Protein backbone atom coordinates (compact mmCIF):
# COMPACT_ATOMS: atom_id res chain seq x y z
CA MET A 1 145.48 196.70 -40.46
CA ASP A 2 143.74 194.86 -43.70
CA TYR A 3 143.80 191.06 -44.50
CA GLU A 4 142.48 188.61 -47.19
CA VAL A 5 138.81 187.95 -46.62
CA PRO A 6 137.61 185.81 -49.74
CA GLU A 7 133.60 186.78 -50.24
CA ASP A 8 133.49 183.04 -51.55
CA LEU A 9 134.44 181.19 -48.11
CA LYS A 10 132.31 181.16 -44.61
CA TYR A 11 134.11 181.90 -41.65
CA THR A 12 134.21 180.84 -37.99
CA LYS A 13 134.94 183.02 -34.58
CA ASN A 14 138.54 180.57 -33.92
CA HIS A 15 139.57 181.88 -37.29
CA GLU A 16 139.27 179.38 -39.40
CA TRP A 17 138.07 179.47 -43.29
CA TYR A 18 135.65 177.20 -44.70
CA ASP A 19 134.66 176.66 -48.64
CA PRO A 20 131.29 174.76 -48.72
CA GLN A 21 131.50 174.34 -52.66
CA SER A 22 134.91 172.50 -52.28
CA GLY A 23 134.83 171.27 -48.63
CA TRP A 24 138.32 172.50 -48.13
CA MET A 25 139.50 174.40 -44.67
CA GLY A 26 142.03 176.32 -43.52
CA ILE A 27 143.24 179.31 -40.41
CA THR A 28 142.50 182.84 -42.03
CA ASP A 29 144.92 185.46 -43.11
CA TYR A 30 144.24 187.15 -40.16
CA ALA A 31 145.23 183.29 -38.17
CA GLN A 32 148.40 183.46 -40.02
CA GLU A 33 149.71 187.14 -39.44
CA GLN A 34 148.90 186.61 -35.97
CA LEU A 35 150.60 183.30 -35.73
CA GLY A 36 153.94 184.47 -36.92
CA ASP A 37 156.22 181.93 -39.34
CA VAL A 38 154.44 179.12 -39.46
CA VAL A 39 156.85 175.36 -38.84
CA PHE A 40 154.91 172.34 -38.67
CA VAL A 41 151.47 171.52 -39.16
CA GLU A 42 150.32 168.67 -37.47
CA LEU A 43 147.32 167.07 -39.78
CA PRO A 44 144.39 164.59 -38.52
CA ALA A 45 143.72 161.13 -40.36
CA THR A 46 141.62 161.05 -43.22
CA ASP A 47 138.59 159.57 -42.60
CA GLU A 48 138.20 161.31 -38.93
CA PRO A 49 135.33 162.15 -38.05
CA VAL A 50 135.18 166.45 -37.13
CA GLU A 51 132.18 168.56 -35.22
CA ALA A 52 131.89 171.89 -35.82
CA GLY A 53 134.33 173.38 -32.69
CA GLN A 54 136.39 170.97 -31.65
CA ASP A 55 140.07 171.07 -32.16
CA PHE A 56 140.82 168.46 -34.01
CA MET A 57 144.67 169.25 -35.95
CA VAL A 58 147.33 171.80 -34.76
CA VAL A 59 150.02 174.59 -36.40
CA GLU A 60 153.14 175.54 -34.93
CA SER A 61 155.12 178.54 -34.90
CA MET A 62 157.62 179.96 -33.80
CA LYS A 63 155.95 182.00 -31.18
CA THR A 64 153.48 179.07 -29.97
CA VAL A 65 151.22 176.27 -30.67
CA SER A 66 147.49 176.80 -31.58
CA ASP A 67 144.51 174.29 -32.04
CA VAL A 68 142.77 174.50 -35.15
CA TYR A 69 138.76 173.84 -35.23
CA ALA A 70 136.39 172.40 -37.49
CA PRO A 71 134.14 175.00 -38.87
CA VAL A 72 131.43 172.07 -39.88
CA ASP A 73 130.77 168.07 -38.42
CA GLY A 74 131.63 166.29 -41.14
CA THR A 75 134.58 163.73 -41.93
CA VAL A 76 138.04 164.64 -42.88
CA VAL A 77 138.64 163.32 -46.79
CA GLU A 78 141.67 164.74 -47.99
CA LEU A 79 144.75 166.54 -46.45
CA ASN A 80 147.47 168.43 -48.27
CA GLU A 81 150.08 167.09 -47.36
CA GLU A 82 152.66 169.71 -49.43
CA LEU A 83 151.66 170.84 -45.97
CA GLU A 84 154.75 168.45 -44.52
CA SER A 85 157.53 169.82 -46.12
CA ALA A 86 156.29 173.39 -46.45
CA PRO A 87 155.08 174.65 -43.86
CA GLU A 88 155.27 177.96 -44.49
CA ALA A 89 153.08 178.15 -47.35
CA VAL A 90 150.08 178.62 -44.16
CA ASN A 91 151.43 182.67 -44.47
CA ASP A 92 152.39 182.57 -47.71
CA ALA A 93 149.30 181.97 -49.24
CA PRO A 94 146.66 180.66 -46.34
CA TYR A 95 143.73 180.04 -48.65
CA GLU A 96 145.55 178.52 -51.41
CA ALA A 97 148.05 176.07 -51.20
CA GLY A 98 148.06 176.89 -47.17
CA ARG A 99 144.66 175.29 -47.20
CA LEU A 100 144.92 172.00 -44.66
CA VAL A 101 141.68 169.80 -44.94
CA ARG A 102 139.03 168.55 -47.12
CA LEU A 103 136.15 168.35 -45.15
CA GLU A 104 132.91 166.17 -45.85
CA ALA A 105 130.55 168.17 -44.32
CA VAL A 106 127.35 166.39 -42.72
CA ASP A 107 125.42 169.27 -41.75
CA GLY A 108 126.18 172.30 -44.47
CA GLU A 109 127.45 175.79 -43.00
CA GLY A 110 126.33 175.34 -39.45
CA GLU A 111 126.91 178.38 -37.45
CA LEU A 112 129.71 179.94 -40.35
CA LEU A 113 130.22 183.58 -40.67
CA SER A 114 130.05 185.38 -44.02
CA ALA A 115 132.66 186.92 -45.59
CA GLY A 116 130.97 190.71 -43.88
CA GLY A 117 130.55 189.16 -40.93
CA TYR A 118 133.97 187.86 -40.53
CA ARG A 119 135.33 191.35 -41.31
CA ASP A 120 133.15 193.02 -38.39
CA PHE A 121 133.95 190.08 -35.97
CA LEU A 122 137.62 191.60 -37.05
CA GLY A 123 136.48 195.23 -36.69
CA ALA A 124 135.09 193.97 -33.18
CA GLU A 125 138.73 193.02 -32.12
CA ASP A 126 140.64 195.64 -32.76
């Protein structure tokens, strides 16, 4: 199956995406497809420090509850509060309306994968 993997974003092996330009992050098209219908997003508090690879919020679907991991070291500076009333945006537009939080990174891009590297990783998982 072909999943949307925008070229200008960076990716984790836990299926999060990160935009180094804006600081926004979320879960990938692959991740939302695996989760199924998202029914709730538990957002963190703003000003919360996060460490790359640390779980810091939860996405709940009809099938499961899944932790979301920080793609970089930094601080949560903005929440997508629209998700409180419209969690399905994570399924409908994971890279736009379904984005989760904006982070202020302290170390750039860390161990993140390029779009090509993430596509290769997905291919290895199939």
